[in-house]
Amino acid sequence: MPSPPLVPDLEPLDLAHLARMTLGDAGLEREVLALFVAQADSLMAILAALPDDAAALAHTLKGSARAIGAFGVADAVVELEAALRRGDDAALALLTLGCAVDAAREAIGVRLART
């Protein structure tokens, strides 16, 4: 039995998961990716101010990210939610989330350019 890789897969977008979620429909894939980018941009702009409902907004982003296979974004949201729950300074978690969203957005741009 082969050993698991020493370095985990760090791709910002799990294309196999995305294909399963969109049933292999390229048009649906393009639509959900475009919707994710728009939603992520909107939510990140709102989250920048860390409003009182930041945890709920972040949770929305986490669900959308998991749906398309942007698991790095979802993992970063988990960290942001934890910081908010503890009452910690969430600036670093928000910065990390922003980087994850940027990486996903770039991968989505590449994907959309191919289809």
Protein backbone atom coordinates (compact mmCIF):
# COMPACT_ATOMS: atom_id res chain seq x y z
CA MET A 1 0.00 0.00 0.00
CA PRO A 2 1.52 3.36 -1.01
CA SER A 3 2.26 5.95 1.62
CA PRO A 4 0.27 9.17 1.62
CA PRO A 5 2.10 12.20 0.25
CA LEU A 6 4.29 14.07 2.72
CA VAL A 7 2.93 17.37 1.48
CA PRO A 8 -0.86 17.62 1.28
CA ASP A 9 -2.55 18.67 -1.93
CA LEU A 10 -2.63 22.44 -1.72
CA GLU A 11 -4.61 23.17 -4.85
CA PRO A 12 -7.06 26.02 -4.21
CA LEU A 13 -9.81 24.21 -6.12
CA ASP A 14 -10.61 20.50 -6.00
CA LEU A 15 -11.65 19.91 -9.60
CA ALA A 16 -12.84 16.36 -9.00
CA HIS A 17 -15.18 17.57 -6.26
CA LEU A 18 -16.37 20.41 -8.48
CA ALA A 19 -17.12 17.99 -11.30
CA ARG A 20 -19.12 15.76 -8.95
CA MET A 21 -21.09 18.71 -7.59
CA THR A 22 -21.91 20.02 -11.07
CA LEU A 23 -22.57 16.55 -12.51
CA GLY A 24 -19.92 17.19 -15.14
CA ASP A 25 -22.01 19.96 -16.69
CA ALA A 26 -19.56 22.60 -17.95
CA GLY A 27 -22.23 25.30 -18.13
CA LEU A 28 -23.31 24.68 -14.56
CA GLU A 29 -19.67 24.65 -13.47
CA ARG A 30 -19.07 28.06 -15.04
CA GLU A 31 -22.22 29.42 -13.42
CA VAL A 32 -21.42 28.23 -9.89
CA LEU A 33 -17.81 29.39 -10.14
CA ALA A 34 -18.88 32.86 -11.26
CA LEU A 35 -21.46 33.00 -8.47
CA PHE A 36 -18.83 31.97 -5.93
CA VAL A 37 -16.43 34.69 -7.06
CA ALA A 38 -19.15 37.34 -6.84
CA GLN A 39 -20.32 36.14 -3.45
CA ALA A 40 -16.79 35.83 -2.07
CA ASP A 41 -15.91 39.35 -3.24
CA SER A 42 -19.05 40.76 -1.65
CA LEU A 43 -18.64 38.90 1.63
CA MET A 44 -14.94 39.72 1.93
CA ALA A 45 -15.72 43.43 1.47
CA ILE A 46 -18.25 43.24 4.28
CA LEU A 47 -16.06 41.05 6.50
CA ALA A 48 -13.21 43.57 6.25
CA ALA A 49 -15.06 45.70 8.82
CA LEU A 50 -15.69 42.67 11.07
CA PRO A 51 -19.37 43.51 11.61
CA ASP A 52 -21.39 41.98 14.43
CA ASP A 53 -22.70 39.29 12.07
CA ALA A 54 -19.22 38.38 10.78
CA ALA A 55 -19.48 34.80 12.01
CA ALA A 56 -22.74 34.22 10.12
CA LEU A 57 -21.34 35.83 6.97
CA ALA A 58 -18.18 33.75 7.20
CA HIS A 59 -20.28 30.62 7.69
CA THR A 60 -22.11 31.39 4.44
CA LEU A 61 -18.79 31.69 2.64
CA LYS A 62 -17.61 28.41 4.14
CA GLY A 63 -20.62 26.53 2.78
CA SER A 64 -20.21 28.01 -0.68
CA ALA A 65 -16.50 27.22 -0.69
CA ARG A 66 -17.08 23.60 0.30
CA ALA A 67 -19.73 23.24 -2.39
CA ILE A 68 -17.28 24.09 -5.18
CA GLY A 69 -14.22 22.39 -3.68
CA ALA A 70 -12.42 25.52 -2.45
CA PHE A 71 -11.42 23.71 0.72
CA GLY A 72 -8.59 26.11 1.54
CA VAL A 73 -11.15 28.91 1.77
CA ALA A 74 -13.40 26.75 3.95
CA ASP A 75 -10.49 25.89 6.26
CA ALA A 76 -9.57 29.56 6.57
CA VAL A 77 -13.17 30.38 7.47
CA VAL A 78 -13.04 27.77 10.24
CA GLU A 79 -10.08 29.65 11.72
CA LEU A 80 -11.87 32.99 11.41
CA GLU A 81 -15.00 31.56 13.06
CA ALA A 82 -12.88 30.18 15.92
CA ALA A 83 -11.16 33.54 16.47
CA LEU A 84 -14.51 35.32 16.48
CA ARG A 85 -16.00 32.77 18.87
CA ARG A 86 -13.08 33.20 21.30
CA GLY A 87 -13.26 36.98 21.03
CA ASP A 88 -9.67 37.10 19.75
CA ASP A 89 -8.30 39.66 17.35
CA ALA A 90 -9.48 38.23 14.04
CA ALA A 91 -7.22 40.34 11.81
CA LEU A 92 -4.73 37.55 11.06
CA ALA A 93 -7.51 35.03 10.39
CA LEU A 94 -9.19 37.52 8.08
CA LEU A 95 -5.91 38.12 6.25
CA THR A 96 -5.41 34.37 5.86
CA LEU A 97 -8.95 34.05 4.54
CA GLY A 98 -8.30 36.84 2.05
CA CYS A 99 -5.23 35.01 0.74
CA ALA A 100 -7.23 31.78 0.39
CA VAL A 101 -10.01 33.60 -1.46
CA ASP A 102 -7.44 35.22 -3.77
CA ALA A 103 -5.91 31.83 -4.56
CA ALA A 104 -9.34 30.34 -5.25
CA ARG A 105 -10.30 33.32 -7.41
CA GLU A 106 -7.10 32.90 -9.44
CA ALA A 107 -7.71 29.16 -9.91
CA ILE A 108 -11.30 29.89 -10.92
CA GLY A 109 -10.10 32.47 -13.44
CA VAL A 110 -7.79 29.91 -14.99
CA ARG A 111 -10.58 27.34 -15.03
CA LEU A 112 -13.07 29.71 -16.62
CA ALA A 113 -10.54 30.72 -19.28
CA ARG A 114 -10.22 27.06 -20.29
CA THR A 115 -13.94 26.33 -20.58
